[in-house]
């Protein structure tokens, strides 16, 4: 998909859990209501812990867990919605 001239790029909707936990990614003022957080290929129990830790960190700032899924044993993705 090519970028239209003069139109700013859309912000991403998929974020690595590790970057949320480290504070590298902050979602204050994020313009969309739904995001996805992924574990980034960490193995099984560590991956789900990493993703859910990011979900718990986002809860107090207004994000609710909608669903979580495993693409395979290495990749977990959580889907979140901002409270309105």
PDB file of N, CA and C in Angstrom:
ATOM      1  N   UNK A   1       0.841  -1.164   0.000  1.00  0.00           N
ATOM      2  CA  UNK A   1       0.000   0.000   0.000  1.00  0.00           C
ATOM      3  C   UNK A   1       0.893   1.236   0.000  1.00  0.00           C
ATOM      4  N   UNK A   2       0.728   2.072  -0.973  1.00  0.00           N
ATOM      5  CA  UNK A   2       1.582   3.253  -1.064  1.00  0.00           C
ATOM      6  C   UNK A   2       1.007   4.399  -0.248  1.00  0.00           C
ATOM      7  N   UNK A   3       1.904   5.255   0.203  1.00  0.00           N
ATOM      8  CA  UNK A   3       1.528   6.424   1.000  1.00  0.00           C
ATOM      9  C   UNK A   3       1.076   7.530   0.067  1.00  0.00           C
ATOM     10  N   UNK A   4      -0.082   8.144   0.349  1.00  0.00           N
ATOM     11  CA  UNK A   4      -0.553   9.265  -0.443  1.00  0.00           C
ATOM     12  C   UNK A   4       0.279  10.501  -0.132  1.00  0.00           C
ATOM     13  N   UNK A   5       0.603  11.241  -1.162  1.00  0.00           N
ATOM     14  CA  UNK A   5       1.416  12.443  -0.979  1.00  0.00           C
ATOM     15  C   UNK A   5       0.659  13.450  -0.117  1.00  0.00           C
ATOM     16  N   UNK A   6       1.322  13.956   0.917  1.00  0.00           N
ATOM     17  CA  UNK A   6       0.729  14.953   1.792  1.00  0.00           C
ATOM     18  C   UNK A   6      -0.125  14.393   2.912  1.00  0.00           C
ATOM     19  N   UNK A   7      -0.351  13.082   2.914  1.00  0.00           N
ATOM     20  CA  UNK A   7      -1.153  12.451   3.967  1.00  0.00           C
ATOM     21  C   UNK A   7      -0.203  11.769   4.945  1.00  0.00           C
ATOM     22  N   UNK A   8      -0.275  12.129   6.234  1.00  0.00           N
ATOM     23  CA  UNK A   8       0.643  11.499   7.193  1.00  0.00           C
ATOM     24  C   UNK A   8       0.359  10.001   7.327  1.00  0.00           C
ATOM     25  N   UNK A   9       1.397   9.212   7.603  1.00  0.00           N
ATOM     26  CA  UNK A   9       1.189   7.765   7.769  1.00  0.00           C
ATOM     27  C   UNK A   9       0.332   7.479   8.997  1.00  0.00           C
ATOM     28  N   UNK A  10      -0.424   6.408   8.924  1.00  0.00           N
ATOM     29  CA  UNK A  10      -1.238   5.995  10.074  1.00  0.00           C
ATOM     30  C   UNK A  10      -0.332   5.427  11.148  1.00  0.00           C
ATOM     31  N   UNK A  11      -0.669   5.668  12.418  1.00  0.00           N
ATOM     32  CA  UNK A  11       0.112   5.055  13.498  1.00  0.00           C
ATOM     33  C   UNK A  11      -0.070   3.532  13.475  1.00  0.00           C
ATOM     34  N   UNK A  12       0.911   2.797  13.969  1.00  0.00           N
ATOM     35  CA  UNK A  12       0.778   1.337  14.002  1.00  0.00           C
ATOM     36  C   UNK A  12      -0.304   0.907  14.987  1.00  0.00           C
ATOM     37  N   UNK A  13      -0.805  -0.302  14.808  1.00  0.00           N
ATOM     38  CA  UNK A  13      -1.766  -0.885  15.749  1.00  0.00           C
ATOM     39  C   UNK A  13      -1.183  -2.097  16.463  1.00  0.00           C
ATOM     40  N   UNK A  14      -0.031  -2.578  16.035  1.00  0.00           N
ATOM     41  CA  UNK A  14       0.616  -3.756  16.611  1.00  0.00           C
ATOM     42  C   UNK A  14       1.883  -3.315  17.324  1.00  0.00           C
ATOM     43  N   UNK A  15       1.988  -3.673  18.624  1.00  0.00           N
ATOM     44  CA  UNK A  15       3.111  -3.225  19.435  1.00  0.00           C
ATOM     45  C   UNK A  15       3.765  -4.401  20.154  1.00  0.00           C
ATOM     46  N   UNK A  16       5.109  -4.413  20.248  1.00  0.00           N
ATOM     47  CA  UNK A  16       5.796  -5.456  21.012  1.00  0.00           C
ATOM     48  C   UNK A  16       5.600  -5.241  22.518  1.00  0.00           C
ATOM     49  N   UNK A  17       5.237  -6.293  23.214  1.00  0.00           N
ATOM     50  CA  UNK A  17       5.014  -6.223  24.666  1.00  0.00           C
ATOM     51  C   UNK A  17       6.265  -5.725  25.392  1.00  0.00           C
ATOM     52  N   UNK A  18       7.435  -6.173  24.979  1.00  0.00           N
ATOM     53  CA  UNK A  18       8.678  -5.774  25.656  1.00  0.00           C
ATOM     54  C   UNK A  18       8.884  -4.262  25.596  1.00  0.00           C
ATOM     55  N   UNK A  19       8.510  -3.634  24.496  1.00  0.00           N
ATOM     56  CA  UNK A  19       8.695  -2.188  24.367  1.00  0.00           C
ATOM     57  C   UNK A  19       7.669  -1.411  25.195  1.00  0.00           C
ATOM     58  N   UNK A  20       6.501  -1.978  25.398  1.00  0.00           N
ATOM     59  CA  UNK A  20       5.523  -1.345  26.293  1.00  0.00           C
ATOM     60  C   UNK A  20       6.031  -1.428  27.729  1.00  0.00           C
ATOM     61  N   UNK A  21       6.525  -2.600  28.113  1.00  0.00           N
ATOM     62  CA  UNK A  21       7.008  -2.801  29.483  1.00  0.00           C
ATOM     63  C   UNK A  21       8.235  -1.948  29.795  1.00  0.00           C
ATOM     64  N   UNK A  22       9.077  -1.713  28.803  1.00  0.00           N
ATOM     65  CA  UNK A  22      10.290  -0.917  29.032  1.00  0.00           C
ATOM     66  C   UNK A  22      10.009   0.582  29.026  1.00  0.00           C
ATOM     67  N   UNK A  23       8.801   0.964  28.597  1.00  0.00           N
ATOM     68  CA  UNK A  23       8.463   2.378  28.509  1.00  0.00           C
ATOM     69  C   UNK A  23       8.866   3.008  27.186  1.00  0.00           C
ATOM     70  N   UNK A  24       9.452   2.200  26.305  1.00  0.00           N
ATOM     71  CA  UNK A  24       9.860   2.708  24.993  1.00  0.00           C
ATOM     72  C   UNK A  24       8.647   3.156  24.173  1.00  0.00           C
ATOM     73  N   UNK A  25       7.531   2.437  24.349  1.00  0.00           N
ATOM     74  CA  UNK A  25       6.285   2.806  23.675  1.00  0.00           C
ATOM     75  C   UNK A  25       5.298   3.279  24.726  1.00  0.00           C
ATOM     76  N   UNK A  26       4.773   4.470  24.504  1.00  0.00           N
ATOM     77  CA  UNK A  26       3.728   5.039  25.369  1.00  0.00           C
ATOM     78  C   UNK A  26       2.523   5.320  24.495  1.00  0.00           C
ATOM     79  N   UNK A  27       1.353   5.006  24.993  1.00  0.00           N
ATOM     80  CA  UNK A  27       0.146   5.142  24.191  1.00  0.00           C
ATOM     81  C   UNK A  27      -0.733   6.311  24.632  1.00  0.00           C
ATOM     82  N   UNK A  28      -0.177   7.226  25.416  1.00  0.00           N
ATOM     83  CA  UNK A  28      -0.916   8.430  25.789  1.00  0.00           C
ATOM     84  C   UNK A  28      -1.270   9.187  24.512  1.00  0.00           C
ATOM     85  N   UNK A  29      -2.525   9.521  24.356  1.00  0.00           N
ATOM     86  CA  UNK A  29      -2.953  10.272  23.184  1.00  0.00           C
ATOM     87  C   UNK A  29      -3.034   9.459  21.908  1.00  0.00           C
ATOM     88  N   UNK A  30      -2.945   8.131  22.026  1.00  0.00           N
ATOM     89  CA  UNK A  30      -3.045   7.276  20.838  1.00  0.00           C
ATOM     90  C   UNK A  30      -4.399   7.508  20.166  1.00  0.00           C
ATOM     91  N   UNK A  31      -4.437   7.690  18.849  1.00  0.00           N
ATOM     92  CA  UNK A  31      -5.673   8.126  18.195  1.00  0.00           C
ATOM     93  C   UNK A  31      -6.719   7.045  17.932  1.00  0.00           C
ATOM     94  N   UNK A  32      -6.355   5.772  18.044  1.00  0.00           N
ATOM     95  CA  UNK A  32      -7.310   4.715  17.752  1.00  0.00           C
ATOM     96  C   UNK A  32      -7.754   4.010  19.025  1.00  0.00           C
ATOM     97  N   UNK A  33      -8.884   3.309  18.940  1.00  0.00           N
ATOM     98  CA  UNK A  33      -9.456   2.653  20.105  1.00  0.00           C
ATOM     99  C   UNK A  33      -8.936   1.225  20.315  1.00  0.00           C
ATOM    100  N   UNK A  34      -8.471   0.564  19.271  1.00  0.00           N
ATOM    101  CA  UNK A  34      -8.050  -0.840  19.353  1.00  0.00           C
ATOM    102  C   UNK A  34      -6.580  -1.001  18.967  1.00  0.00           C
ATOM    103  N   UNK A  35      -5.884  -1.854  19.707  1.00  0.00           N
ATOM    104  CA  UNK A  35      -4.491  -2.191  19.401  1.00  0.00           C
ATOM    105  C   UNK A  35      -4.287  -3.688  19.601  1.00  0.00           C
ATOM    106  N   UNK A  36      -3.141  -4.174  19.158  1.00  0.00           N
ATOM    107  CA  UNK A  36      -2.716  -5.547  19.417  1.00  0.00           C
ATOM    108  C   UNK A  36      -1.303  -5.486  20.005  1.00  0.00           C
ATOM    109  N   UNK A  37      -1.037  -6.361  20.965  1.00  0.00           N
ATOM    110  CA  UNK A  37       0.272  -6.455  21.614  1.00  0.00           C
ATOM    111  C   UNK A  37       0.778  -7.875  21.411  1.00  0.00           C
ATOM    112  N   UNK A  38       2.018  -8.003  20.933  1.00  0.00           N
ATOM    113  CA  UNK A  38       2.537  -9.352  20.670  1.00  0.00           C
ATOM    114  C   UNK A  38       3.777  -9.637  21.513  1.00  0.00           C
ATOM    115  N   UNK A  39       4.018 -10.931  21.705  1.00  0.00           N
ATOM    116  CA  UNK A  39       5.145 -11.378  22.512  1.00  0.00           C
ATOM    117  C   UNK A  39       6.455 -11.431  21.756  1.00  0.00           C
ATOM    118  N   UNK A  40       6.426 -11.331  20.457  1.00  0.00           N
ATOM    119  CA  UNK A  40       7.642 -11.222  19.667  1.00  0.00           C
ATOM    120  C   UNK A  40       8.458 -12.483  19.504  1.00  0.00           C
ATOM    121  N   UNK A  41       7.882 -13.644  19.671  1.00  0.00           N
ATOM    122  CA  UNK A  41       8.615 -14.868  19.422  1.00  0.00           C
ATOM    123  C   UNK A  41       9.292 -15.465  20.637  1.00  0.00           C
ATOM    124  N   UNK A  42       8.967 -14.984  21.824  1.00  0.00           N
ATOM    125  CA  UNK A  42       9.494 -15.613  23.042  1.00  0.00           C
ATOM    126  C   UNK A  42       8.774 -16.943  23.250  1.00  0.00           C
ATOM    127  N   UNK A  43       9.436 -17.885  23.849  1.00  0.00           N
ATOM    128  CA  UNK A  43       8.895 -19.237  23.950  1.00  0.00           C
ATOM    129  C   UNK A  43       7.773 -19.336  24.973  1.00  0.00           C
ATOM    130  N   UNK A  44       6.686 -19.943  24.592  1.00  0.00           N
ATOM    131  CA  UNK A  44       5.513 -20.361  25.339  1.00  0.00           C
ATOM    132  C   UNK A  44       5.185 -19.609  26.629  1.00  0.00           C
ATOM    133  N   UNK A  45       5.542 -20.164  27.805  1.00  0.00           N
ATOM    134  CA  UNK A  45       5.164 -19.556  29.079  1.00  0.00           C
ATOM    135  C   UNK A  45       5.740 -18.149  29.208  1.00  0.00           C
ATOM    136  N   UNK A  46       6.950 -17.955  28.769  1.00  0.00           N
ATOM    137  CA  UNK A  46       7.548 -16.621  28.814  1.00  0.00           C
ATOM    138  C   UNK A  46       6.803 -15.662  27.897  1.00  0.00           C
ATOM    139  N   UNK A  47       6.350 -16.153  26.746  1.00  0.00           N
ATOM    140  CA  UNK A  47       5.642 -15.294  25.793  1.00  0.00           C
ATOM    141  C   UNK A  47       4.305 -14.831  26.361  1.00  0.00           C
ATOM    142  N   UNK A  48       3.550 -15.741  26.927  1.00  0.00           N
ATOM    143  CA  UNK A  48       2.247 -15.357  27.465  1.00  0.00           C
ATOM    144  C   UNK A  48       2.420 -14.443  28.677  1.00  0.00           C
ATOM    145  N   UNK A  49       3.439 -14.689  29.486  1.00  0.00           N
ATOM    146  CA  UNK A  49       3.704 -13.817  30.624  1.00  0.00           C
ATOM    147  C   UNK A  49       4.087 -12.412  30.159  1.00  0.00           C
ATOM    148  N   UNK A  50       4.902 -12.337  29.127  1.00  0.00           N
ATOM    149  CA  UNK A  50       5.319 -11.044  28.592  1.00  0.00           C
ATOM    150  C   UNK A  50       4.114 -10.264  28.060  1.00  0.00           C
ATOM    151  N   UNK A  51       3.280 -10.919  27.271  1.00  0.00           N
ATOM    152  CA  UNK A  51       2.103 -10.255  26.698  1.00  0.00           C
ATOM    153  C   UNK A  51       1.135  -9.827  27.792  1.00  0.00           C
ATOM    154  N   UNK A  52       0.831 -10.712  28.736  1.00  0.00           N
ATOM    155  CA  UNK A  52      -0.116 -10.355  29.795  1.00  0.00           C
ATOM    156  C   UNK A  52       0.447  -9.300  30.744  1.00  0.00           C
ATOM    157  N   UNK A  53       1.752  -9.269  30.928  1.00  0.00           N
ATOM    158  CA  UNK A  53       2.350  -8.202  31.736  1.00  0.00           C
ATOM    159  C   UNK A  53       2.137  -6.846  31.072  1.00  0.00           C
ATOM    160  N   UNK A  54       2.292  -6.807  29.756  1.00  0.00           N
ATOM    161  CA  UNK A  54       2.028  -5.556  29.029  1.00  0.00           C
ATOM    162  C   UNK A  54       0.559  -5.179  29.124  1.00  0.00           C
ATOM    163  N   UNK A  55      -0.330  -6.152  29.023  1.00  0.00           N
ATOM    164  CA  UNK A  55      -1.775  -5.903  29.165  1.00  0.00           C
ATOM    165  C   UNK A  55      -2.061  -5.310  30.542  1.00  0.00           C
ATOM    166  N   UNK A  56      -1.491  -5.892  31.588  1.00  0.00           N
ATOM    167  CA  UNK A  56      -1.712  -5.392  32.950  1.00  0.00           C
ATOM    168  C   UNK A  56      -1.147  -3.986  33.122  1.00  0.00           C
ATOM    169  N   UNK A  57      -0.040  -3.683  32.451  1.00  0.00           N
ATOM    170  CA  UNK A  57       0.534  -2.342  32.535  1.00  0.00           C
ATOM    171  C   UNK A  57      -0.362  -1.312  31.837  1.00  0.00           C
ATOM    172  N   UNK A  58      -1.047  -1.731  30.793  1.00  0.00           N
ATOM    173  CA  UNK A  58      -1.918  -0.818  30.046  1.00  0.00           C
ATOM    174  C   UNK A  58      -3.297  -0.652  30.693  1.00  0.00           C
ATOM    175  N   UNK A  59      -3.706  -1.582  31.531  1.00  0.00           N
ATOM    176  CA  UNK A  59      -5.033  -1.515  32.167  1.00  0.00           C
ATOM    177  C   UNK A  59      -5.251  -0.223  32.968  1.00  0.00           C
ATOM    178  N   UNK A  60      -4.327   0.175  33.843  1.00  0.00           N
ATOM    179  CA  UNK A  60      -4.563   1.387  34.637  1.00  0.00           C
ATOM    180  C   UNK A  60      -4.614   2.677  33.815  1.00  0.00           C
ATOM    181  N   UNK A  61      -4.108   2.630  32.575  1.00  0.00           N
ATOM    182  CA  UNK A  61      -4.146   3.836  31.742  1.00  0.00           C
ATOM    183  C   UNK A  61      -5.252   3.764  30.690  1.00  0.00           C
ATOM    184  N   UNK A  62      -6.228   2.875  30.925  1.00  0.00           N
ATOM    185  CA  UNK A  62      -7.443   2.907  30.134  1.00  0.00           C
ATOM    186  C   UNK A  62      -7.622   1.873  29.048  1.00  0.00           C
ATOM    187  N   UNK A  63      -6.777   0.835  28.985  1.00  0.00           N
ATOM    188  CA  UNK A  63      -6.906  -0.192  27.949  1.00  0.00           C
ATOM    189  C   UNK A  63      -7.450  -1.481  28.545  1.00  0.00           C
ATOM    190  N   UNK A  64      -8.460  -2.077  27.906  1.00  0.00           N
ATOM    191  CA  UNK A  64      -9.060  -3.339  28.349  1.00  0.00           C
ATOM    192  C   UNK A  64      -8.695  -4.464  27.384  1.00  0.00           C
ATOM    193  N   UNK A  65      -8.426  -5.641  27.944  1.00  0.00           N
ATOM    194  CA  UNK A  65      -8.161  -6.825  27.133  1.00  0.00           C
ATOM    195  C   UNK A  65      -9.459  -7.287  26.489  1.00  0.00           C
ATOM    196  N   UNK A  66      -9.443  -7.466  25.183  1.00  0.00           N
ATOM    197  CA  UNK A  66     -10.599  -7.965  24.449  1.00  0.00           C
ATOM    198  C   UNK A  66     -10.451  -9.452  24.188  1.00  0.00           C
ATOM    199  N   UNK A  67      -9.247  -9.854  23.760  1.00  0.00           N
ATOM    200  CA  UNK A  67      -9.009 -11.251  23.417  1.00  0.00           C
ATOM    201  C   UNK A  67      -7.505 -11.492  23.394  1.00  0.00           C
ATOM    202  N   UNK A  68      -7.131 -12.740  23.546  1.00  0.00           N
ATOM    203  CA  UNK A  68      -5.734 -13.134  23.391  1.00  0.00           C
ATOM    204  C   UNK A  68      -5.727 -14.437  22.610  1.00  0.00           C
ATOM    205  N   UNK A  69      -4.760 -14.576  21.727  1.00  0.00           N
ATOM    206  CA  UNK A  69      -4.694 -15.770  20.903  1.00  0.00           C
ATOM    207  C   UNK A  69      -3.242 -16.187  20.725  1.00  0.00           C
ATOM    208  N   UNK A  70      -3.046 -17.454  20.410  1.00  0.00           N
ATOM    209  CA  UNK A  70      -1.708 -17.928  20.081  1.00  0.00           C
ATOM    210  C   UNK A  70      -1.691 -18.319  18.613  1.00  0.00           C
ATOM    211  N   UNK A  71      -0.813 -17.669  17.899  1.00  0.00           N
ATOM    212  CA  UNK A  71      -0.628 -17.996  16.483  1.00  0.00           C
ATOM    213  C   UNK A  71       0.023 -19.373  16.379  1.00  0.00           C
ATOM    214  N   UNK A  72       0.941 -19.615  17.257  1.00  0.00           N
ATOM    215  CA  UNK A  72       1.587 -20.914  17.446  1.00  0.00           C
ATOM    216  C   UNK A  72       2.224 -20.849  18.833  1.00  0.00           C
ATOM    217  N   UNK A  73       3.011 -21.822  19.202  1.00  0.00           N
ATOM    218  CA  UNK A  73       3.556 -21.820  20.562  1.00  0.00           C
ATOM    219  C   UNK A  73       4.590 -20.732  20.799  1.00  0.00           C
ATOM    220  N   UNK A  74       4.992 -20.026  19.766  1.00  0.00           N
ATOM    221  CA  UNK A  74       5.990 -18.978  19.926  1.00  0.00           C
ATOM    222  C   UNK A  74       5.415 -17.567  19.839  1.00  0.00           C
ATOM    223  N   UNK A  75       4.209 -17.421  19.354  1.00  0.00           N
ATOM    224  CA  UNK A  75       3.676 -16.090  19.083  1.00  0.00           C
ATOM    225  C   UNK A  75       2.293 -15.906  19.698  1.00  0.00           C
ATOM    226  N   UNK A  76       2.211 -15.056  20.701  1.00  0.00           N
ATOM    227  CA  UNK A  76       0.940 -14.705  21.331  1.00  0.00           C
ATOM    228  C   UNK A  76       0.615 -13.257  21.007  1.00  0.00           C
ATOM    229  N   UNK A  77      -0.656 -12.998  20.771  1.00  0.00           N
ATOM    230  CA  UNK A  77      -1.111 -11.643  20.476  1.00  0.00           C
ATOM    231  C   UNK A  77      -2.319 -11.333  21.355  1.00  0.00           C
ATOM    232  N   UNK A  78      -2.292 -10.177  22.025  1.00  0.00           N
ATOM    233  CA  UNK A  78      -3.435  -9.698  22.810  1.00  0.00           C
ATOM    234  C   UNK A  78      -4.053  -8.533  22.055  1.00  0.00           C
ATOM    235  N   UNK A  79      -5.369  -8.504  22.044  1.00  0.00           N
ATOM    236  CA  UNK A  79      -6.106  -7.420  21.412  1.00  0.00           C
ATOM    237  C   UNK A  79      -6.744  -6.585  22.499  1.00  0.00           C
ATOM    238  N   UNK A  80      -6.537  -5.271  22.462  1.00  0.00           N
ATOM    239  CA  UNK A  80      -7.022  -4.376  23.505  1.00  0.00           C
ATOM    240  C   UNK A  80      -7.879  -3.258  22.912  1.00  0.00           C
ATOM    241  N   UNK A  81      -8.753  -2.721  23.780  1.00  0.00           N
ATOM    242  CA  UNK A  81      -9.621  -1.595  23.397  1.00  0.00           C
ATOM    243  C   UNK A  81      -9.505  -0.541  24.485  1.00  0.00           C
ATOM    244  N   UNK A  82      -9.393   0.714  24.071  1.00  0.00           N
ATOM    245  CA  UNK A  82      -9.316   1.794  25.044  1.00  0.00           C
ATOM    246  C   UNK A  82     -10.711   2.080  25.587  1.00  0.00           C
ATOM    247  N   UNK A  83     -10.801   2.329  26.890  1.00  0.00           N
ATOM    248  CA  UNK A  83     -12.081   2.684  27.501  1.00  0.00           C
ATOM    249  C   UNK A  83     -12.502   4.067  27.039  1.00  0.00           C
ATOM    250  N   UNK A  84     -13.794   4.232  26.859  1.00  0.00           N
ATOM    251  CA  UNK A  84     -14.295   5.567  26.487  1.00  0.00           C
ATOM    252  C   UNK A  84     -15.183   6.128  27.552  1.00  0.00           C
TER     253      UNK A  84
END
